[in-house]
Amino acid sequence: MAYKKVYLKPGKEESLKRFHPWVFSGAIRSIEGEPEEGETVDVYTAQKEFIACGHIQIGSIAVRVLTFKQEEINTEFWKRKLETAYALRRALGLAGNPTNNTYRLVHGEGDNLPGLVIDIYGQTAVMQAHSVGMHVCRMQIAEALSAVMGDVIHHIYYKSETTLPYKAELEAENGFIKGGSPENVALEYGLKFHVDWLKGQKTGFFVDQRENRRLLEHYARGRNVLNMFCYTGGFSFYAMRGGANLVHSVDSSAKAIDLTNMNVELNFPGDTRHQAYTEDAFKYLDRMGDHYDLIILDPPAFAKHKDALRNALRGYTKLNAKAFEKIKPGGILFTFSCSQVVDKVNFRNAVFTAAAQSGRSVRILHQLTQPADHPVNIYHPEGEYLKGLVLYVE
């Protein structure tokens, strides 16, 4: 099949030669014909040599590369890509694990499928498009997913209302592409939780903190735990299984607190160690006492784009300074940033500044990142978005 052609300016093919999966709008010299947004196009150098094939879109990232070979993007292509992704999750011991049926099957650029995210919760796959091209191909991808996963997946829920570029005016509606089960309890390392794929953030749960929650469980015994920005309480119920004395969960969303309480009840019915509060994080940190010796700070992204970086770093410093001020001596702080524009060095400096302001002696025990089912494409280092530190505070 012949795709419309995009021609680059001289020298602008260098990043593609290094297999970076994006073509920026400023690198394009001309476009043959008038491809619609989300259409598949072939990319050529100024010397008219083929270099890549991908989805075209209005915006600074003009083409998201699907392949560096000249090939047709069809159901067989999607099947091949999804089989590769599934094989990796099986190799990681996540897919097919009787104690765990929750994992990310496709992580955008990390799985050479820019603009596509697929999370698995039991028998339901939640599919999310972050590009117009993936939205256009959603039915083909769903068909390929059914072929690859077979009886493992009975339902496919499409959840892209909030992730597609609003300028594209696609009016995408969330809903089941296949099946339609109301059953929404999934399993992560033997712990059960409700997934809100209908109205929840991301695909309904923060799958990317799975290994970090497991690490927290190891530190929780005998401690008073505060889980800030708790969302659906993931860290809270791991802390409880780890033997915490008490666990307090805080989130500004009443819906998140309802889900947290439901998830704790699912795993620890009638357990009085847990209490949840609907309150602004900074207000809670201001008024709380100094009886916590394990604090988790996992805020939503403070910066969605580079212009917000300075304010975001101030926010991280202010938040961590509060925790350093209040945490008990011998306390442990798990602190995170999921802002892609805040790199490891920036985040560490913000936390370092907070520690220096507090005057406390602080040591780094662990430097955390996203788990292996959220892989970083070596040619696309921007894909490393989750940063975390585990700190011992004297």
Protein backbone atom coordinates (compact mmCIF):
# COMPACT_ATOMS: atom_id res chain seq x y z
CA MET A 1 0.00 0.00 0.00
CA ALA A 2 1.41 3.42 -0.97
CA TYR A 3 1.27 6.00 1.81
CA LYS A 4 1.52 9.77 1.34
CA LYS A 5 5.04 11.12 1.69
CA VAL A 6 6.61 13.54 4.16
CA TYR A 7 9.96 15.07 3.09
CA LEU A 8 12.45 16.32 5.68
CA LYS A 9 14.72 19.36 5.50
CA PRO A 10 18.40 18.58 4.80
CA GLY A 11 20.15 17.04 7.82
CA LYS A 12 16.92 16.58 9.80
CA GLU A 13 17.05 12.79 9.45
CA GLU A 14 19.90 12.42 11.99
CA SER A 15 17.64 11.67 14.99
CA LEU A 16 15.72 9.10 12.92
CA LYS A 17 19.00 7.41 12.01
CA ARG A 18 19.44 6.99 15.78
CA PHE A 19 15.93 5.46 15.91
CA HIS A 20 14.29 8.31 17.85
CA PRO A 21 10.54 7.78 17.28
CA TRP A 22 9.43 11.39 16.74
CA VAL A 23 9.53 13.77 13.78
CA PHE A 24 9.09 17.39 14.85
CA SER A 25 7.08 19.78 12.69
CA GLY A 26 10.11 22.07 12.26
CA ALA A 27 12.04 19.24 10.56
CA ILE A 28 9.53 18.88 7.71
CA ARG A 29 10.21 20.55 4.35
CA SER A 30 7.10 19.42 2.46
CA ILE A 31 4.18 16.99 2.52
CA GLU A 32 2.85 15.25 -0.56
CA GLY A 33 -0.94 15.52 -0.88
CA GLU A 34 -3.03 16.43 2.14
CA PRO A 35 -2.98 13.54 4.64
CA GLU A 36 -5.70 13.66 7.28
CA GLU A 37 -4.74 13.85 10.92
CA GLY A 38 -3.91 10.36 12.20
CA GLU A 39 -3.19 8.99 8.72
CA THR A 40 -0.17 6.72 8.13
CA VAL A 41 2.62 8.41 6.14
CA ASP A 42 6.09 7.47 4.88
CA VAL A 43 8.96 9.79 5.84
CA TYR A 44 11.76 10.55 3.37
CA THR A 45 15.04 12.42 3.68
CA ALA A 46 15.80 15.51 1.60
CA GLN A 47 17.62 13.09 -0.75
CA LYS A 48 14.27 11.24 -1.18
CA GLU A 49 15.42 8.10 0.67
CA PHE A 50 12.84 6.27 2.80
CA ILE A 51 13.65 6.47 6.54
CA ALA A 52 10.47 5.83 8.61
CA CYS A 53 6.72 5.23 8.61
CA GLY A 54 4.26 6.56 11.19
CA HIS A 55 1.13 8.51 12.15
CA ILE A 56 0.91 12.19 11.19
CA GLN A 57 -0.67 14.72 13.55
CA ILE A 58 -1.01 18.50 14.02
CA GLY A 59 1.35 19.74 16.74
CA SER A 60 5.06 19.96 17.52
CA ILE A 61 5.44 16.17 17.27
CA ALA A 62 4.25 15.87 13.67
CA VAL A 63 4.93 12.17 13.05
CA ARG A 64 5.09 9.35 15.62
CA VAL A 65 7.16 6.56 14.11
CA LEU A 66 5.73 3.03 14.05
CA THR A 67 8.47 1.36 12.02
CA PHE A 68 11.78 2.14 10.34
CA LYS A 69 11.00 -0.42 7.61
CA GLN A 70 8.84 0.21 4.53
CA GLU A 71 5.85 -1.99 5.38
CA GLU A 72 2.08 -1.93 5.56
CA ILE A 73 0.44 -1.02 8.87
CA ASN A 74 -2.30 -3.65 9.07
CA THR A 75 -3.74 -6.20 11.53
CA GLU A 76 -0.69 -8.46 11.01
CA PHE A 77 1.61 -5.54 11.94
CA TRP A 78 -0.35 -4.86 15.17
CA LYS A 79 -0.40 -8.57 16.02
CA ARG A 80 3.37 -8.80 15.65
CA LYS A 81 3.94 -5.75 17.87
CA LEU A 82 1.49 -6.97 20.54
CA GLU A 83 3.01 -10.49 20.52
CA THR A 84 6.44 -8.94 21.22
CA ALA A 85 5.00 -6.88 24.09
CA TYR A 86 3.14 -9.91 25.54
CA ALA A 87 6.27 -12.10 25.34
CA LEU A 88 8.18 -9.49 27.40
CA ARG A 89 5.49 -9.45 30.13
CA ARG A 90 5.56 -13.24 30.28
CA ALA A 91 9.36 -13.18 30.55
CA LEU A 92 9.01 -10.70 33.46
CA GLY A 93 6.74 -13.17 35.28
CA LEU A 94 3.83 -10.70 35.25
CA ALA A 95 1.53 -12.25 32.63
CA GLY A 96 0.28 -15.67 33.67
CA ASN A 97 1.21 -15.15 37.35
CA PRO A 98 -1.55 -16.60 39.61
CA THR A 99 -0.95 -13.93 42.31
CA ASN A 100 -0.87 -11.01 39.85
CA ASN A 101 -3.19 -10.24 36.93
CA THR A 102 -2.40 -6.52 36.71
CA TYR A 103 0.31 -5.14 34.41
CA ARG A 104 0.98 -2.80 31.51
CA LEU A 105 1.00 -4.66 28.21
CA VAL A 106 1.89 -1.68 25.97
CA HIS A 107 3.81 1.37 27.13
CA GLY A 108 3.88 3.74 24.13
CA GLU A 109 7.39 4.46 22.84
CA GLY A 110 8.81 1.90 25.29
CA ASP A 111 7.14 -0.82 23.22
CA ASN A 112 7.70 0.91 19.87
CA LEU A 113 4.02 1.90 19.71
CA PRO A 114 4.06 5.68 20.33
CA GLY A 115 0.69 7.01 21.42
CA LEU A 116 -0.72 3.67 22.68
CA VAL A 117 -1.15 2.42 26.25
CA ILE A 118 -2.79 -0.91 27.18
CA ASP A 119 -3.17 -2.00 30.82
CA ILE A 120 -4.43 -5.45 31.81
CA TYR A 121 -6.70 -5.90 34.83
CA GLY A 122 -7.73 -9.55 35.12
CA GLN A 123 -9.88 -10.37 32.08
CA THR A 124 -10.20 -6.72 31.01
CA ALA A 125 -7.76 -4.75 28.84
CA VAL A 126 -8.01 -0.96 29.11
CA MET A 127 -6.78 0.69 25.93
CA GLN A 128 -5.82 4.36 25.77
CA ALA A 129 -4.83 6.44 22.73
CA HIS A 130 -2.59 9.47 23.18
CA SER A 131 -2.37 10.18 19.45
CA VAL A 132 -4.95 10.58 16.70
CA GLY A 133 -3.34 7.76 14.69
CA MET A 134 -3.85 5.23 17.47
CA HIS A 135 -7.45 6.41 17.84
CA VAL A 136 -8.05 5.87 14.11
CA CYS A 137 -6.56 2.34 14.36
CA ARG A 138 -8.32 1.37 17.61
CA MET A 139 -10.61 -1.30 16.11
CA GLN A 140 -7.72 -2.93 14.22
CA ILE A 141 -5.62 -2.91 17.41
CA ALA A 142 -8.50 -4.41 19.44
CA GLU A 143 -8.87 -7.18 16.84
CA ALA A 144 -5.12 -7.92 17.01
CA LEU A 145 -5.23 -7.85 20.83
CA SER A 146 -8.02 -10.45 20.88
CA ALA A 147 -6.02 -12.64 18.50
CA VAL A 148 -2.82 -12.39 20.58
CA MET A 149 -4.32 -12.73 24.09
CA GLY A 150 -6.99 -15.32 23.18
CA ASP A 151 -9.15 -16.38 26.14
CA VAL A 152 -7.05 -14.40 28.63
CA ILE A 153 -8.90 -11.19 27.71
CA HIS A 154 -12.72 -11.18 27.56
CA HIS A 155 -13.27 -7.40 27.61
CA ILE A 156 -11.58 -4.40 25.97
CA TYR A 157 -12.45 -0.98 27.36
CA TYR A 158 -11.44 2.10 25.32
CA LYS A 159 -10.61 5.10 27.55
CA SER A 160 -9.30 8.06 25.57
CA GLU A 161 -11.73 10.95 26.19
CA THR A 162 -9.14 12.89 28.20
CA THR A 163 -5.90 11.77 26.52
CA LEU A 164 -6.48 12.64 22.86
CA PRO A 165 -5.40 16.09 21.63
CA TYR A 166 -8.44 18.36 22.12
CA LYS A 167 -7.58 20.35 18.96
CA ALA A 168 -8.32 17.24 16.88
CA GLU A 169 -12.03 17.55 17.85
CA LEU A 170 -12.52 13.79 17.72
CA GLU A 171 -15.25 13.55 20.36
CA ALA A 172 -13.97 10.11 21.36
CA GLU A 173 -16.27 8.33 23.78
CA ASN A 174 -15.11 5.94 26.47
CA GLY A 175 -16.72 2.52 26.31
CA PHE A 176 -16.31 -1.20 25.73
CA ILE A 177 -15.05 -2.20 22.28
CA LYS A 178 -15.43 -5.86 23.26
CA GLY A 179 -17.43 -7.51 26.06
CA GLY A 180 -18.67 -5.31 28.90
CA SER A 181 -18.23 -6.76 32.38
CA PRO A 182 -19.08 -4.70 35.50
CA GLU A 183 -16.58 -6.89 37.45
CA ASN A 184 -13.69 -4.57 38.31
CA VAL A 185 -11.62 -6.30 40.99
CA ALA A 186 -8.02 -7.04 40.00
CA LEU A 187 -5.14 -8.75 41.80
CA GLU A 188 -1.64 -7.39 42.44
CA TYR A 189 0.81 -9.65 44.28
CA GLY A 190 -2.08 -11.29 46.13
CA LEU A 191 -3.83 -8.04 47.13
CA LYS A 192 -7.25 -7.18 45.65
CA PHE A 193 -8.39 -3.76 44.52
CA HIS A 194 -11.25 -2.11 42.64
CA VAL A 195 -10.25 -0.51 39.33
CA ASP A 196 -12.21 2.56 38.26
CA TRP A 197 -11.66 2.38 34.51
CA LEU A 198 -14.90 4.26 33.87
CA LYS A 199 -14.00 7.54 35.60
CA GLY A 200 -10.63 6.95 37.29
CA GLN A 201 -7.30 8.59 36.47
CA LYS A 202 -4.95 7.02 33.91
CA THR A 203 -6.50 3.62 33.05
CA GLY A 204 -8.09 3.30 36.51
CA PHE A 205 -5.10 2.44 38.71
CA PHE A 206 -1.44 3.45 38.97
CA VAL A 207 0.12 0.23 37.71
CA ASP A 208 3.53 1.93 37.57
CA GLN A 209 3.97 1.92 41.38
CA ARG A 210 3.58 -1.85 41.79
CA GLU A 211 7.24 -2.67 42.62
CA ASN A 212 7.59 0.45 44.78
CA ARG A 213 4.50 -0.57 46.78
CA ARG A 214 6.09 -3.97 47.31
CA LEU A 215 9.27 -2.28 48.59
CA LEU A 216 7.21 -0.13 50.97
CA GLU A 217 5.61 -3.28 52.42
CA HIS A 218 9.12 -4.38 53.44
CA TYR A 219 9.60 -1.17 55.51
CA ALA A 220 6.13 -0.89 57.09
CA ARG A 221 6.37 -3.23 60.10
CA GLY A 222 5.62 -1.44 63.37
CA ARG A 223 5.46 2.00 61.76
CA ASN A 224 2.86 4.77 61.72
CA VAL A 225 2.25 5.34 58.01
CA LEU A 226 0.93 8.42 56.18
CA ASN A 227 -0.03 7.92 52.52
CA MET A 228 -0.44 11.37 50.92
CA PHE A 229 -2.19 11.71 47.53
CA CYS A 230 -3.37 8.14 48.18
CA TYR A 231 -5.70 7.93 45.12
CA THR A 232 -7.15 4.40 45.48
CA GLY A 233 -4.94 3.43 48.43
CA GLY A 234 -2.34 1.18 46.79
CA PHE A 235 0.49 2.05 49.18
CA SER A 236 -1.94 1.90 52.14
CA PHE A 237 -2.96 -1.72 51.80
CA TYR A 238 0.62 -2.84 51.11
CA ALA A 239 1.66 -1.05 54.33
CA MET A 240 -1.09 -2.87 56.23
CA ARG A 241 0.03 -6.25 54.91
CA GLY A 242 3.57 -5.29 55.90
CA GLY A 243 2.48 -4.98 59.54
CA ALA A 244 2.10 -1.20 60.01
CA ASN A 245 0.76 0.02 63.40
CA LEU A 246 -1.59 2.45 61.72
CA VAL A 247 -2.14 3.76 58.20
CA HIS A 248 -3.68 7.15 57.37
CA SER A 249 -4.65 7.84 53.74
CA VAL A 250 -5.16 11.42 52.48
CA ASP A 251 -6.51 12.69 49.16
CA SER A 252 -8.37 15.84 48.10
CA SER A 253 -10.84 13.71 46.10
CA ALA A 254 -13.78 12.23 48.03
CA LYS A 255 -14.18 9.62 45.26
CA ALA A 256 -10.56 8.51 45.72
CA ILE A 257 -11.09 8.19 49.47
CA ASP A 258 -14.24 6.08 48.87
CA LEU A 259 -12.20 3.76 46.63
CA THR A 260 -9.36 3.61 49.19
CA ASN A 261 -11.80 2.58 51.93
CA MET A 262 -13.35 -0.05 49.63
CA ASN A 263 -9.91 -1.44 48.74
CA VAL A 264 -8.79 -1.63 52.38
CA GLU A 265 -12.08 -3.37 53.28
CA LEU A 266 -11.56 -5.82 50.40
CA ASN A 267 -8.22 -6.94 51.86
CA PHE A 268 -8.56 -6.22 55.59
CA PRO A 269 -12.26 -6.25 56.49
CA GLY A 270 -13.01 -4.52 59.79
CA ASP A 271 -9.34 -3.58 60.37
CA THR A 272 -9.25 -0.50 62.64
CA ARG A 273 -5.63 0.41 61.81
CA HIS A 274 -6.75 2.39 58.74
CA GLN A 275 -8.34 5.83 58.56
CA ALA A 276 -8.87 8.01 55.48
CA TYR A 277 -9.24 11.80 55.16
CA THR A 278 -10.54 13.96 52.30
CA GLU A 279 -8.30 17.01 52.56
CA ASP A 280 -5.82 19.17 50.67
CA ALA A 281 -2.31 17.73 51.09
CA PHE A 282 -0.61 20.95 52.19
CA LYS A 283 -3.36 21.72 54.71
CA TYR A 284 -3.10 18.22 56.18
CA LEU A 285 0.71 18.43 56.40
CA ASP A 286 0.40 21.82 58.14
CA ARG A 287 -1.95 20.60 60.85
CA MET A 288 -0.68 17.06 61.40
CA GLY A 289 1.46 16.14 64.36
CA ASP A 290 4.86 14.44 64.35
CA HIS A 291 3.69 10.88 65.03
CA TYR A 292 4.37 9.44 61.53
CA ASP A 293 7.62 7.57 60.89
CA LEU A 294 6.84 6.41 57.34
CA ILE A 295 5.47 8.96 54.85
CA ILE A 296 4.63 8.47 51.17
CA LEU A 297 4.47 11.54 48.89
CA ASP A 298 3.18 10.53 45.45
CA PRO A 299 1.58 13.69 44.02
CA PRO A 300 0.03 14.06 40.56
CA ALA A 301 2.31 15.63 37.94
CA PHE A 302 3.20 19.17 39.04
CA ALA A 303 4.39 20.01 35.50
CA LYS A 304 2.80 18.86 32.25
CA HIS A 305 5.08 20.99 30.04
CA LYS A 306 8.47 22.76 30.21
CA ASP A 307 6.96 26.21 30.97
CA ALA A 308 5.71 24.91 34.31
CA LEU A 309 9.07 23.40 35.37
CA ARG A 310 10.20 26.15 37.76
CA ASN A 311 6.88 26.21 39.63
CA ALA A 312 6.84 22.41 39.76
CA LEU A 313 10.28 22.26 41.36
CA ARG A 314 9.17 24.83 43.95
CA GLY A 315 6.13 22.64 44.65
CA TYR A 316 8.27 19.52 45.17
CA THR A 317 10.62 21.43 47.49
CA LYS A 318 7.74 22.85 49.55
CA LEU A 319 6.00 19.46 49.81
CA ASN A 320 9.13 17.56 50.85
CA ALA A 321 10.19 20.32 53.30
CA LYS A 322 6.88 19.79 55.15
CA ALA A 323 7.52 16.04 55.39
CA PHE A 324 11.12 16.55 56.62
CA GLU A 325 9.86 19.00 59.22
CA LYS A 326 7.21 16.61 60.62
CA ILE A 327 8.59 13.08 60.21
CA LYS A 328 9.79 11.32 63.39
CA PRO A 329 13.53 10.76 63.90
CA GLY A 330 14.45 7.42 62.30
CA GLY A 331 11.59 7.92 59.84
CA ILE A 332 11.49 6.80 56.22
CA LEU A 333 10.21 9.00 53.39
CA PHE A 334 9.11 7.58 50.02
CA THR A 335 8.93 10.60 47.68
CA PHE A 336 8.06 10.62 43.96
CA SER A 337 7.65 12.74 40.84
CA CYS A 338 5.75 11.48 37.79
CA SER A 339 6.29 14.71 35.78
CA GLN A 340 8.05 13.82 32.52
CA VAL A 341 9.62 17.30 32.21
CA VAL A 342 11.19 17.00 35.70
CA ASP A 343 14.29 14.86 35.22
CA LYS A 344 16.10 12.82 37.89
CA VAL A 345 18.65 15.55 38.60
CA ASN A 346 16.00 18.30 38.95
CA PHE A 347 13.88 16.17 41.27
CA ARG A 348 16.82 15.17 43.41
CA ASN A 349 17.90 18.81 43.71
CA ALA A 350 14.38 19.84 44.80
CA VAL A 351 14.38 17.17 47.53
CA PHE A 352 17.98 18.04 48.48
CA THR A 353 16.94 21.70 48.91
CA ALA A 354 14.04 20.62 51.13
CA ALA A 355 16.34 18.45 53.25
CA ALA A 356 18.87 21.29 53.64
CA GLN A 357 16.08 23.69 54.70
CA SER A 358 15.01 21.23 57.40
CA GLY A 359 18.54 20.84 58.77
CA ARG A 360 17.91 17.09 59.25
CA SER A 361 20.47 14.39 58.46
CA VAL A 362 19.07 12.53 55.42
CA ARG A 363 20.39 9.47 53.61
CA ILE A 364 19.28 7.92 50.32
CA LEU A 365 18.36 4.23 50.70
CA HIS A 366 16.90 3.61 47.23
CA GLN A 367 16.56 5.46 43.93
CA LEU A 368 13.34 4.31 42.29
CA THR A 369 11.92 4.38 38.78
CA GLN A 370 9.07 2.85 36.79
CA PRO A 371 8.79 -0.96 36.65
CA ALA A 372 9.92 -3.23 33.83
CA ASP A 373 6.46 -3.38 32.23
CA HIS A 374 6.85 0.40 31.64
CA PRO A 375 10.11 0.01 29.66
CA VAL A 376 12.17 2.96 28.43
CA ASN A 377 13.15 2.75 24.77
CA ILE A 378 16.93 3.25 24.78
CA TYR A 379 16.55 5.58 21.77
CA HIS A 380 13.86 7.63 23.58
CA PRO A 381 15.22 8.53 27.05
CA GLU A 382 12.30 10.97 27.53
CA GLY A 383 10.23 7.87 28.33
CA GLU A 384 11.70 7.70 31.85
CA TYR A 385 9.05 9.71 33.69
CA LEU A 386 8.76 8.19 37.20
CA LYS A 387 11.42 9.18 39.71
CA GLY A 388 11.47 8.22 43.38
CA LEU A 389 13.73 8.35 46.42
CA VAL A 390 13.53 6.37 49.65
CA LEU A 391 15.14 8.46 52.39
CA TYR A 392 16.16 7.76 55.98
CA VAL A 393 15.67 10.85 58.15
CA GLU A 394 17.55 11.07 61.46
